Amino acid sequence: QVQLVESGGGLVQPGGSLRLSCVVSGRIFTFNNMAWYRQAPGKQRELVATINSIGSLNYADSVKGRFAISRDNARTTLYLQMNSLKPEDTAVYYCNAPLGLGSLYSWGQGTQVTVSS
């Protein structure tokens, strides 16, 4: 069993910043390819950022230049630095290991990010 525990969300004004963390623990099959996702109210979960085994990074067009994904392999912790936040970034953010069009692990509880003045 693998546990994904996201944290770091909160209420922030437009233009502000947050740093999300995701601790992965348990019987980890792989930590090589990881990703952040988000789900806004009434919308489907979407892929936000990915990092692969050689450190290649990819971002959704909507967050390019504003978000940065990184990880600490020794701590099996994934991070998402979010800058210049916009109201449309409001969502519950999750981490997971992408597997095809799905995900490898069961979803954690996520962390709520609300961008509002």
C-alpha atoms as a PDB file:
ATOM      1  CA  GLN A   1       0.000   0.000   0.000  1.00  0.00           C
ATOM      2  CA  VAL A   2       1.261   3.450  -0.936  1.00  0.00           C
ATOM      3  CA  GLN A   3       0.193   6.636   0.785  1.00  0.00           C
ATOM      4  CA  LEU A   4       0.207  10.028  -0.898  1.00  0.00           C
ATOM      5  CA  VAL A   5      -0.070  12.954   1.495  1.00  0.00           C
ATOM      6  CA  GLU A   6      -0.346  16.392  -0.060  1.00  0.00           C
ATOM      7  CA  SER A   7       0.043  19.606   1.935  1.00  0.00           C
ATOM      8  CA  GLY A   8       0.836  23.281   1.577  1.00  0.00           C
ATOM      9  CA  GLY A   9      -2.404  24.567   0.122  1.00  0.00           C
ATOM     10  CA  GLY A  10      -4.327  27.538   1.410  1.00  0.00           C
ATOM     11  CA  LEU A  11      -5.960  30.826   0.579  1.00  0.00           C
ATOM     12  CA  VAL A  12      -3.785  33.264  -1.347  1.00  0.00           C
ATOM     13  CA  GLN A  13      -4.404  36.517  -3.190  1.00  0.00           C
ATOM     14  CA  PRO A  14      -3.959  36.742  -6.954  1.00  0.00           C
ATOM     15  CA  GLY A  15      -0.275  37.134  -7.757  1.00  0.00           C
ATOM     16  CA  GLY A  16       0.764  35.266  -4.649  1.00  0.00           C
ATOM     17  CA  SER A  17       2.768  32.092  -4.239  1.00  0.00           C
ATOM     18  CA  LEU A  18       2.425  28.705  -2.581  1.00  0.00           C
ATOM     19  CA  ARG A  19       4.630  25.647  -2.333  1.00  0.00           C
ATOM     20  CA  LEU A  20       2.906  22.295  -2.270  1.00  0.00           C
ATOM     21  CA  SER A  21       4.463  19.102  -0.954  1.00  0.00           C
ATOM     22  CA  CYS A  22       3.551  15.479  -1.472  1.00  0.00           C
ATOM     23  CA  VAL A  23       5.089  12.795   0.684  1.00  0.00           C
ATOM     24  CA  VAL A  24       4.993   9.339  -0.860  1.00  0.00           C
ATOM     25  CA  SER A  25       5.350   6.452   1.582  1.00  0.00           C
ATOM     26  CA  GLY A  26       4.701   2.754   1.876  1.00  0.00           C
ATOM     27  CA  ARG A  27       5.453   0.044  -0.657  1.00  0.00           C
ATOM     28  CA  ILE A  28       6.561   2.403  -3.386  1.00  0.00           C
ATOM     29  CA  PHE A  29       6.840   0.725  -6.753  1.00  0.00           C
ATOM     30  CA  THR A  30       8.344   3.715  -8.450  1.00  0.00           C
ATOM     31  CA  PHE A  31       9.081   7.357  -7.680  1.00  0.00           C
ATOM     32  CA  ASN A  32      10.739   7.928 -11.040  1.00  0.00           C
ATOM     33  CA  ASN A  33       7.839   9.435 -12.944  1.00  0.00           C
ATOM     34  CA  MET A  34       5.626  11.674 -10.862  1.00  0.00           C
ATOM     35  CA  ALA A  35       3.079  14.359 -11.507  1.00  0.00           C
ATOM     36  CA  TRP A  36       0.846  16.986 -10.014  1.00  0.00           C
ATOM     37  CA  TYR A  37      -2.812  17.117 -10.936  1.00  0.00           C
ATOM     38  CA  ARG A  38      -5.638  19.418 -10.002  1.00  0.00           C
ATOM     39  CA  GLN A  39      -9.405  19.312  -9.973  1.00  0.00           C
ATOM     40  CA  ALA A  40     -11.482  22.450  -9.931  1.00  0.00           C
ATOM     41  CA  PRO A  41     -15.133  22.400  -8.822  1.00  0.00           C
ATOM     42  CA  GLY A  42     -17.332  20.872 -11.485  1.00  0.00           C
ATOM     43  CA  LYS A  43     -14.391  19.959 -13.705  1.00  0.00           C
ATOM     44  CA  GLN A  44     -12.413  16.838 -14.431  1.00  0.00           C
ATOM     45  CA  ARG A  45      -9.029  16.240 -12.869  1.00  0.00           C
ATOM     46  CA  GLU A  46      -6.273  17.584 -15.110  1.00  0.00           C
ATOM     47  CA  LEU A  47      -2.554  17.050 -15.378  1.00  0.00           C
ATOM     48  CA  VAL A  48      -0.562  20.083 -14.283  1.00  0.00           C
ATOM     49  CA  ALA A  49       3.110  19.095 -14.282  1.00  0.00           C
ATOM     50  CA  THR A  50       5.277  16.016 -14.657  1.00  0.00           C
ATOM     51  CA  ILE A  51       8.832  15.042 -13.829  1.00  0.00           C
ATOM     52  CA  ASN A  52      10.394  11.857 -15.174  1.00  0.00           C
ATOM     53  CA  SER A  53      13.281   9.607 -14.246  1.00  0.00           C
ATOM     54  CA  ILE A  54      15.919  11.791 -15.902  1.00  0.00           C
ATOM     55  CA  GLY A  55      14.479  15.013 -14.566  1.00  0.00           C
ATOM     56  CA  SER A  56      12.670  16.162 -17.667  1.00  0.00           C
ATOM     57  CA  LEU A  57       9.855  18.533 -16.817  1.00  0.00           C
ATOM     58  CA  ASN A  58       6.572  19.168 -18.589  1.00  0.00           C
ATOM     59  CA  TYR A  59       3.799  21.594 -17.789  1.00  0.00           C
ATOM     60  CA  ALA A  60       0.270  22.297 -18.865  1.00  0.00           C
ATOM     61  CA  ASP A  61       0.161  25.403 -21.035  1.00  0.00           C
ATOM     62  CA  SER A  62      -1.932  27.172 -18.417  1.00  0.00           C
ATOM     63  CA  VAL A  63       0.847  27.021 -15.813  1.00  0.00           C
ATOM     64  CA  LYS A  64       4.015  27.275 -17.907  1.00  0.00           C
ATOM     65  CA  GLY A  65       6.369  29.910 -16.606  1.00  0.00           C
ATOM     66  CA  ARG A  66       4.541  30.128 -13.277  1.00  0.00           C
ATOM     67  CA  PHE A  67       4.751  26.655 -11.718  1.00  0.00           C
ATOM     68  CA  ALA A  68       7.824  24.510 -11.076  1.00  0.00           C
ATOM     69  CA  ILE A  69       7.813  20.819 -10.191  1.00  0.00           C
ATOM     70  CA  SER A  70      10.707  19.258  -8.298  1.00  0.00           C
ATOM     71  CA  ARG A  71      11.399  16.313  -6.043  1.00  0.00           C
ATOM     72  CA  ASP A  72      13.608  15.000  -3.283  1.00  0.00           C
ATOM     73  CA  ASN A  73      14.292  11.348  -4.049  1.00  0.00           C
ATOM     74  CA  ALA A  74      15.825  10.655  -0.651  1.00  0.00           C
ATOM     75  CA  ARG A  75      12.653  11.845   1.047  1.00  0.00           C
ATOM     76  CA  THR A  76      10.329  10.562  -1.699  1.00  0.00           C
ATOM     77  CA  THR A  77       8.733  13.976  -1.643  1.00  0.00           C
ATOM     78  CA  LEU A  78       7.351  15.854  -4.617  1.00  0.00           C
ATOM     79  CA  TYR A  79       7.024  19.626  -4.688  1.00  0.00           C
ATOM     80  CA  LEU A  80       5.128  22.184  -6.723  1.00  0.00           C
ATOM     81  CA  GLN A  81       6.205  25.803  -6.489  1.00  0.00           C
ATOM     82  CA  MET A  82       3.344  27.984  -7.682  1.00  0.00           C
ATOM     83  CA  ASN A  83       3.966  31.646  -8.441  1.00  0.00           C
ATOM     84  CA  SER A  84       1.837  34.410  -9.938  1.00  0.00           C
ATOM     85  CA  LEU A  85      -1.266  32.546  -8.914  1.00  0.00           C
ATOM     86  CA  LYS A  86      -4.539  33.304 -10.659  1.00  0.00           C
ATOM     87  CA  PRO A  87      -8.144  32.707  -9.582  1.00  0.00           C
ATOM     88  CA  GLU A  88      -8.382  29.993 -12.244  1.00  0.00           C
ATOM     89  CA  ASP A  89      -5.696  28.044 -10.376  1.00  0.00           C
ATOM     90  CA  THR A  90      -8.215  27.409  -7.608  1.00  0.00           C
ATOM     91  CA  ALA A  91      -8.566  23.649  -7.251  1.00  0.00           C
ATOM     92  CA  VAL A  92      -7.697  20.647  -5.140  1.00  0.00           C
ATOM     93  CA  TYR A  93      -4.163  19.583  -6.006  1.00  0.00           C
ATOM     94  CA  TYR A  94      -3.045  15.970  -6.006  1.00  0.00           C
ATOM     95  CA  CYS A  95       0.152  14.088  -6.734  1.00  0.00           C
ATOM     96  CA  ASN A  96       0.485  10.657  -8.291  1.00  0.00           C
ATOM     97  CA  ALA A  97       2.555   8.566 -10.639  1.00  0.00           C
ATOM     98  CA  PRO A  98       1.126   8.806 -14.157  1.00  0.00           C
ATOM     99  CA  LEU A  99       0.439   5.485 -15.855  1.00  0.00           C
ATOM    100  CA  GLY A 100      -0.808   5.837 -19.383  1.00  0.00           C
ATOM    101  CA  LEU A 101      -3.939   7.937 -19.188  1.00  0.00           C
ATOM    102  CA  GLY A 102      -4.421   6.966 -15.557  1.00  0.00           C
ATOM    103  CA  SER A 103      -2.388   6.838 -12.386  1.00  0.00           C
ATOM    104  CA  LEU A 104      -0.435   4.175 -10.587  1.00  0.00           C
ATOM    105  CA  TYR A 105      -1.407   4.781  -6.973  1.00  0.00           C
ATOM    106  CA  SER A 106      -4.652   5.401  -5.146  1.00  0.00           C
ATOM    107  CA  TRP A 107      -5.360   9.097  -4.769  1.00  0.00           C
ATOM    108  CA  GLY A 108      -4.582  10.965  -1.592  1.00  0.00           C
ATOM    109  CA  GLN A 109      -6.842  13.554  -0.021  1.00  0.00           C
ATOM    110  CA  GLY A 110      -5.307  16.408  -1.979  1.00  0.00           C
ATOM    111  CA  THR A 111      -4.658  19.931  -0.787  1.00  0.00           C
ATOM    112  CA  GLN A 112      -7.004  22.830  -1.465  1.00  0.00           C
ATOM    113  CA  VAL A 113      -5.626  25.921  -3.178  1.00  0.00           C
ATOM    114  CA  THR A 114      -7.899  28.940  -3.310  1.00  0.00           C
ATOM    115  CA  VAL A 115      -6.821  32.075  -5.139  1.00  0.00           C
ATOM    116  CA  SER A 116      -9.074  34.976  -4.300  1.00  0.00           C
ATOM    117  CA  SER A 117      -8.940  38.601  -3.252  1.00  0.00           C
END
